[in-house]
Amino acid sequence: KGGQIGPNLTHYQRTDLDTLLPSILDPSREIREGFEQMQVQTRDGRLLSGFLTDRTDKLLILRGTDGSDAVVEQSQVKSMEVNPRSLMPDGLLVGLSEQQLRDFFAYLRIAQPIRN
């Protein structure tokens, strides 16, 4: 499960390798809405990053990768932009042998979601 910093992939379509493979090989190619990493620079020089969890005309709330929230007054925001990079690292399959790659994808295709 993604928890607070990533989408819940428990029910992700694991047998659709045409969708799954690009997501693993190039995780920044498509980032699910709501999980874009934002970078905010404040007027006092702080640089904050996280997921925008709430925004009003007075405040915005960023959730960091550690799950903690940073509350920033809108009047203190100097700039805000989306980081185009996914938190999922590139190159996850680099260094795996051909057999390890086969085993990995076989596991993904047959593994059933954990039921609560």
C-alpha atoms as a PDB file:
ATOM      1  CA  LYS A   1       0.000   0.000   0.000  1.00  0.00           C
ATOM      2  CA  GLY A   2       1.199   3.492  -0.778  1.00  0.00           C
ATOM      3  CA  GLY A   3       0.257   4.856   2.605  1.00  0.00           C
ATOM      4  CA  GLN A   4       0.378   8.607   2.789  1.00  0.00           C
ATOM      5  CA  ILE A   5       2.965   9.283   0.075  1.00  0.00           C
ATOM      6  CA  GLY A   6       1.782   7.123  -2.798  1.00  0.00           C
ATOM      7  CA  PRO A   7      -1.390   5.727  -4.289  1.00  0.00           C
ATOM      8  CA  ASN A   8      -2.816   2.479  -2.989  1.00  0.00           C
ATOM      9  CA  LEU A   9      -1.790  -0.138  -5.554  1.00  0.00           C
ATOM     10  CA  THR A  10      -3.379  -3.093  -3.794  1.00  0.00           C
ATOM     11  CA  HIS A  11      -5.952  -3.586  -6.543  1.00  0.00           C
ATOM     12  CA  TYR A  12      -3.670  -2.554  -9.419  1.00  0.00           C
ATOM     13  CA  GLN A  13      -4.160  -4.608 -12.582  1.00  0.00           C
ATOM     14  CA  ARG A  14      -1.040  -6.783 -12.273  1.00  0.00           C
ATOM     15  CA  THR A  15      -1.665  -8.898 -15.342  1.00  0.00           C
ATOM     16  CA  ASP A  16      -1.591  -5.899 -17.704  1.00  0.00           C
ATOM     17  CA  LEU A  17       2.136  -5.803 -18.466  1.00  0.00           C
ATOM     18  CA  ASP A  18       1.586  -3.134 -21.151  1.00  0.00           C
ATOM     19  CA  THR A  19       0.638  -0.749 -18.337  1.00  0.00           C
ATOM     20  CA  LEU A  20       2.787  -2.170 -15.573  1.00  0.00           C
ATOM     21  CA  LEU A  21       6.131  -2.329 -17.392  1.00  0.00           C
ATOM     22  CA  PRO A  22       6.302   1.362 -18.408  1.00  0.00           C
ATOM     23  CA  SER A  23       5.369   2.350 -14.849  1.00  0.00           C
ATOM     24  CA  ILE A  24       8.338   0.404 -13.518  1.00  0.00           C
ATOM     25  CA  LEU A  25      10.829   1.361 -16.239  1.00  0.00           C
ATOM     26  CA  ASP A  26       9.904   5.066 -16.311  1.00  0.00           C
ATOM     27  CA  PRO A  27       8.079   5.953 -13.077  1.00  0.00           C
ATOM     28  CA  SER A  28       8.053   9.682 -13.854  1.00  0.00           C
ATOM     29  CA  ARG A  29       6.283   9.152 -17.181  1.00  0.00           C
ATOM     30  CA  GLU A  30       2.878   9.295 -15.514  1.00  0.00           C
ATOM     31  CA  ILE A  31       2.338  10.313 -11.900  1.00  0.00           C
ATOM     32  CA  ARG A  32      -1.119   9.703 -10.520  1.00  0.00           C
ATOM     33  CA  GLU A  33      -3.082  12.864  -9.833  1.00  0.00           C
ATOM     34  CA  GLY A  34      -2.735  13.978  -6.239  1.00  0.00           C
ATOM     35  CA  PHE A  35       0.699  12.417  -5.851  1.00  0.00           C
ATOM     36  CA  GLU A  36       2.732  15.011  -7.696  1.00  0.00           C
ATOM     37  CA  GLN A  37       5.603  16.288  -5.582  1.00  0.00           C
ATOM     38  CA  MET A  38       5.266  20.062  -5.113  1.00  0.00           C
ATOM     39  CA  GLN A  39       8.123  22.435  -4.392  1.00  0.00           C
ATOM     40  CA  VAL A  40       7.254  25.623  -2.537  1.00  0.00           C
ATOM     41  CA  GLN A  41       9.594  28.510  -1.870  1.00  0.00           C
ATOM     42  CA  THR A  42       8.468  30.893   0.845  1.00  0.00           C
ATOM     43  CA  ARG A  43       9.122  34.609   1.044  1.00  0.00           C
ATOM     44  CA  ASP A  44      11.473  34.009   4.002  1.00  0.00           C
ATOM     45  CA  GLY A  45      13.644  31.660   1.891  1.00  0.00           C
ATOM     46  CA  ARG A  46      12.429  28.240   3.031  1.00  0.00           C
ATOM     47  CA  LEU A  47      12.187  25.524   0.392  1.00  0.00           C
ATOM     48  CA  LEU A  48       9.511  22.937   1.146  1.00  0.00           C
ATOM     49  CA  SER A  49       8.480  19.872  -0.795  1.00  0.00           C
ATOM     50  CA  GLY A  50       5.637  17.438  -0.468  1.00  0.00           C
ATOM     51  CA  PHE A  51       2.207  16.497  -1.724  1.00  0.00           C
ATOM     52  CA  LEU A  52      -0.429  19.193  -1.746  1.00  0.00           C
ATOM     53  CA  THR A  53      -3.073  17.746   0.565  1.00  0.00           C
ATOM     54  CA  ASP A  54      -5.188  20.872   1.023  1.00  0.00           C
ATOM     55  CA  ARG A  55      -5.345  24.404  -0.292  1.00  0.00           C
ATOM     56  CA  THR A  56      -7.578  27.302   0.640  1.00  0.00           C
ATOM     57  CA  ASP A  57      -7.363  30.994  -0.127  1.00  0.00           C
ATOM     58  CA  LYS A  58      -5.383  31.433   3.120  1.00  0.00           C
ATOM     59  CA  LEU A  59      -3.372  28.216   3.614  1.00  0.00           C
ATOM     60  CA  LEU A  60      -1.813  25.295   1.850  1.00  0.00           C
ATOM     61  CA  ILE A  61      -0.771  22.010   3.409  1.00  0.00           C
ATOM     62  CA  LEU A  62       2.099  19.908   2.104  1.00  0.00           C
ATOM     63  CA  ARG A  63       2.618  16.321   3.257  1.00  0.00           C
ATOM     64  CA  GLY A  64       6.264  15.307   3.384  1.00  0.00           C
ATOM     65  CA  THR A  65       7.626  11.867   2.578  1.00  0.00           C
ATOM     66  CA  ASP A  66       7.802  11.187   6.313  1.00  0.00           C
ATOM     67  CA  GLY A  67       4.023  11.727   6.557  1.00  0.00           C
ATOM     68  CA  SER A  68       4.269  15.009   8.449  1.00  0.00           C
ATOM     69  CA  ASP A  69       2.309  18.049   7.282  1.00  0.00           C
ATOM     70  CA  ALA A  70       3.688  21.551   6.745  1.00  0.00           C
ATOM     71  CA  VAL A  71       1.154  24.375   6.873  1.00  0.00           C
ATOM     72  CA  VAL A  72       2.069  27.476   4.877  1.00  0.00           C
ATOM     73  CA  GLU A  73       0.139  30.718   4.669  1.00  0.00           C
ATOM     74  CA  GLN A  74      -0.658  31.560   1.048  1.00  0.00           C
ATOM     75  CA  SER A  75       0.646  35.091   1.615  1.00  0.00           C
ATOM     76  CA  GLN A  76       4.080  33.581   2.400  1.00  0.00           C
ATOM     77  CA  VAL A  77       4.326  31.580  -0.834  1.00  0.00           C
ATOM     78  CA  LYS A  78       6.848  33.089  -3.225  1.00  0.00           C
ATOM     79  CA  SER A  79       6.654  30.295  -5.809  1.00  0.00           C
ATOM     80  CA  MET A  80       5.151  26.849  -6.201  1.00  0.00           C
ATOM     81  CA  GLU A  81       5.815  24.309  -8.931  1.00  0.00           C
ATOM     82  CA  VAL A  82       5.330  20.629  -9.630  1.00  0.00           C
ATOM     83  CA  ASN A  83       8.438  18.454  -9.513  1.00  0.00           C
ATOM     84  CA  PRO A  84       8.211  16.275 -12.635  1.00  0.00           C
ATOM     85  CA  ARG A  85      10.132  13.401 -10.974  1.00  0.00           C
ATOM     86  CA  SER A  86       8.384  10.508  -9.260  1.00  0.00           C
ATOM     87  CA  LEU A  87       9.446   9.433  -5.784  1.00  0.00           C
ATOM     88  CA  MET A  88       9.741   5.918  -7.199  1.00  0.00           C
ATOM     89  CA  PRO A  89      13.381   5.632  -8.224  1.00  0.00           C
ATOM     90  CA  ASP A  90      14.499   5.013 -11.789  1.00  0.00           C
ATOM     91  CA  GLY A  91      16.512   1.911 -12.577  1.00  0.00           C
ATOM     92  CA  LEU A  92      14.751  -0.550 -10.271  1.00  0.00           C
ATOM     93  CA  LEU A  93      15.457  -3.406 -12.657  1.00  0.00           C
ATOM     94  CA  VAL A  94      19.085  -2.518 -13.356  1.00  0.00           C
ATOM     95  CA  GLY A  95      21.432  -5.233 -12.206  1.00  0.00           C
ATOM     96  CA  LEU A  96      18.854  -8.016 -12.111  1.00  0.00           C
ATOM     97  CA  SER A  97      19.721 -11.165 -14.010  1.00  0.00           C
ATOM     98  CA  GLU A  98      17.459 -12.454 -16.760  1.00  0.00           C
ATOM     99  CA  GLN A  99      16.150 -15.120 -14.381  1.00  0.00           C
ATOM    100  CA  GLN A 100      15.487 -12.572 -11.634  1.00  0.00           C
ATOM    101  CA  LEU A 101      13.538 -10.423 -14.104  1.00  0.00           C
ATOM    102  CA  ARG A 102      11.446 -13.425 -15.167  1.00  0.00           C
ATOM    103  CA  ASP A 103      10.788 -14.314 -11.528  1.00  0.00           C
ATOM    104  CA  PHE A 104       9.874 -10.708 -10.674  1.00  0.00           C
ATOM    105  CA  PHE A 105       7.310 -10.391 -13.464  1.00  0.00           C
ATOM    106  CA  ALA A 106       5.927 -13.859 -12.825  1.00  0.00           C
ATOM    107  CA  TYR A 107       5.379 -12.876  -9.193  1.00  0.00           C
ATOM    108  CA  LEU A 108       3.661  -9.633 -10.170  1.00  0.00           C
ATOM    109  CA  ARG A 109       1.309 -11.442 -12.529  1.00  0.00           C
ATOM    110  CA  ILE A 110       0.236 -14.127 -10.065  1.00  0.00           C
ATOM    111  CA  ALA A 111       0.353 -12.287  -6.743  1.00  0.00           C
ATOM    112  CA  GLN A 112      -3.092 -11.582  -5.350  1.00  0.00           C
ATOM    113  CA  PRO A 113      -3.819  -8.498  -3.297  1.00  0.00           C
ATOM    114  CA  ILE A 114      -3.800  -8.949   0.453  1.00  0.00           C
ATOM    115  CA  ARG A 115      -7.340  -8.928   1.786  1.00  0.00           C
ATOM    116  CA  ASN A 116      -8.046  -7.090   5.042  1.00  0.00           C
END
